[in-house]
C-alpha atoms as a PDB file:
ATOM      1  CA  VAL A   1     104.238  32.224 101.553  1.00  0.00           C
ATOM      2  CA  SER A   2     107.500  32.496 103.481  1.00  0.00           C
ATOM      3  CA  PHE A   3     111.052  32.897 102.226  1.00  0.00           C
ATOM      4  CA  ASN A   4     114.469  32.338 103.796  1.00  0.00           C
ATOM      5  CA  VAL A   5     117.962  33.118 102.455  1.00  0.00           C
ATOM      6  CA  TYR A   6     121.058  31.324 103.750  1.00  0.00           C
ATOM      7  CA  PRO A   7     123.929  31.599 104.322  1.00  0.00           C
ATOM      8  CA  ASN A   8     124.162  35.345 104.569  1.00  0.00           C
ATOM      9  CA  PRO A   9     126.873  36.635 104.257  1.00  0.00           C
ATOM     10  CA  ASN A  10     128.058  34.264 101.520  1.00  0.00           C
ATOM     11  CA  LYS A  11     130.684  33.893  98.782  1.00  0.00           C
ATOM     12  CA  GLY A  12     128.199  34.089  95.918  1.00  0.00           C
ATOM     13  CA  PHE A  13     126.577  30.703  96.501  1.00  0.00           C
ATOM     14  CA  PHE A  14     123.416  30.653  98.621  1.00  0.00           C
ATOM     15  CA  SER A  15     119.900  29.199  98.758  1.00  0.00           C
ATOM     16  CA  LEU A  16     116.432  30.691  98.704  1.00  0.00           C
ATOM     17  CA  ASP A  17     113.880  28.533 100.525  1.00  0.00           C
ATOM     18  CA  VAL A  18     110.264  29.041  99.510  1.00  0.00           C
ATOM     19  CA  ASN A  19     107.499  27.626 101.704  1.00  0.00           C
ATOM     20  CA  THR A  20     103.998  27.892 100.298  1.00  0.00           C
ATOM     21  CA  THR A  21     100.763  25.946 100.115  1.00  0.00           C
ATOM     22  CA  LEU A  22     100.266  26.762  96.417  1.00  0.00           C
ATOM     23  CA  SER A  23     102.335  26.192  93.290  1.00  0.00           C
ATOM     24  CA  GLY A  24     103.395  29.221  91.334  1.00  0.00           C
ATOM     25  CA  THR A  25     106.196  31.296  89.900  1.00  0.00           C
ATOM     26  CA  VAL A  26     108.676  33.200  92.043  1.00  0.00           C
ATOM     27  CA  LYS A  27     110.193  36.288  90.428  1.00  0.00           C
ATOM     28  CA  ILE A  28     113.672  36.826  91.896  1.00  0.00           C
ATOM     29  CA  THR A  29     115.564  40.080  91.363  1.00  0.00           C
ATOM     30  CA  ILE A  30     118.998  41.032  92.733  1.00  0.00           C
ATOM     31  CA  THR A  31     119.903  44.724  92.649  1.00  0.00           C
ATOM     32  CA  ASP A  32     122.887  46.708  93.826  1.00  0.00           C
ATOM     33  CA  LEU A  33     122.398  49.477  96.381  1.00  0.00           C
ATOM     34  CA  MET A  34     121.984  52.003  93.533  1.00  0.00           C
ATOM     35  CA  GLY A  35     118.922  50.074  92.300  1.00  0.00           C
ATOM     36  CA  ARG A  36     120.564  48.595  89.196  1.00  0.00           C
ATOM     37  CA  THR A  37     119.499  45.022  88.420  1.00  0.00           C
ATOM     38  CA  VAL A  38     122.475  42.654  88.431  1.00  0.00           C
ATOM     39  CA  TRP A  39     120.467  39.441  88.014  1.00  0.00           C
ATOM     40  CA  SER A  40     116.882  38.250  87.735  1.00  0.00           C
ATOM     41  CA  GLN A  41     115.011  35.057  86.965  1.00  0.00           C
ATOM     42  CA  ASN A  42     111.646  33.374  87.331  1.00  0.00           C
ATOM     43  CA  GLU A  43     111.423  29.979  89.060  1.00  0.00           C
ATOM     44  CA  ASN A  44     108.458  27.622  89.171  1.00  0.00           C
ATOM     45  CA  VAL A  45     107.931  26.254  92.674  1.00  0.00           C
ATOM     46  CA  SER A  46     105.508  23.831  94.239  1.00  0.00           C
ATOM     47  CA  ILE A  47     104.671  23.602  97.939  1.00  0.00           C
ATOM     48  CA  SER A  48     108.121  23.925  99.591  1.00  0.00           C
ATOM     49  CA  ASP A  49     111.150  24.348  97.393  1.00  0.00           C
ATOM     50  CA  ASN A  50     114.831  25.236  97.630  1.00  0.00           C
ATOM     51  CA  ILE A  51     116.334  27.394  94.881  1.00  0.00           C
ATOM     52  CA  PRO A  52     120.148  27.307  94.711  1.00  0.00           C
ATOM     53  CA  MET A  53     121.628  30.648  93.654  1.00  0.00           C
ATOM     54  CA  ASN A  54     125.020  31.344  92.069  1.00  0.00           C
ATOM     55  CA  LEU A  55     126.196  34.964  92.045  1.00  0.00           C
ATOM     56  CA  SER A  56     129.907  34.132  91.941  1.00  0.00           C
ATOM     57  CA  PHE A  57     130.251  36.437  88.905  1.00  0.00           C
ATOM     58  CA  VAL A  58     129.144  39.487  90.960  1.00  0.00           C
ATOM     59  CA  SER A  59     131.618  41.706  92.842  1.00  0.00           C
ATOM     60  CA  ASP A  60     131.875  41.681  96.628  1.00  0.00           C
ATOM     61  CA  GLY A  61     129.465  44.001  98.394  1.00  0.00           C
ATOM     62  CA  GLN A  62     125.895  44.464  99.528  1.00  0.00           C
ATOM     63  CA  TYR A  63     122.912  43.666  97.343  1.00  0.00           C
ATOM     64  CA  ILE A  64     119.140  43.573  97.688  1.00  0.00           C
ATOM     65  CA  LEU A  65     117.251  40.344  96.939  1.00  0.00           C
ATOM     66  CA  LYS A  66     113.557  40.669  96.089  1.00  0.00           C
ATOM     67  CA  ALA A  67     111.379  37.587  95.713  1.00  0.00           C
ATOM     68  CA  GLU A  68     107.725  37.929  94.735  1.00  0.00           C
ATOM     69  CA  MET A  69     105.110  35.179  94.568  1.00  0.00           C
ATOM     70  CA  ASN A  70     101.312  35.273  94.608  1.00  0.00           C
ATOM     71  CA  GLY A  71     101.285  38.888  95.787  1.00  0.00           C
ATOM     72  CA  HIS A  72     103.792  38.290  98.607  1.00  0.00           C
ATOM     73  CA  LEU A  73     107.026  40.287  98.503  1.00  0.00           C
ATOM     74  CA  PHE A  74     110.201  39.320 100.362  1.00  0.00           C
ATOM     75  CA  VAL A  75     113.125  41.756 100.530  1.00  0.00           C
ATOM     76  CA  ARG A  76     116.472  40.878 102.092  1.00  0.00           C
ATOM     77  CA  ARG A  77     119.910  42.481 102.086  1.00  0.00           C
ATOM     78  CA  LEU A  78     122.678  40.148 100.874  1.00  0.00           C
ATOM     79  CA  MET A  79     126.357  40.431 101.680  1.00  0.00           C
ATOM     80  CA  LEU A  80     128.815  38.873  99.239  1.00  0.00           C
ATOM     81  CA  ALA A  81     132.322  38.494 100.641  1.00  0.00           C
ATOM     82  CA  LYS A  82     134.658  36.279  98.646  1.00  0.00           C
END
């Protein structure tokens, strides 16, 4: 499983690409730098998929995106600058 987030930095709209050989559920969690969850969701994906994300309701700043699927964990720092 591999993940990619783009664009970063962004204005609250970005994409999470998931490339995998198996179908499954991706658990996506966005937290602030204090560890508080600002958004989370589960997405069903198959093979390679693109998940559009909308965090336009979140304040500018840095956040942590965690995506977990089939035991693989992806962690990336996000920068929202509107």
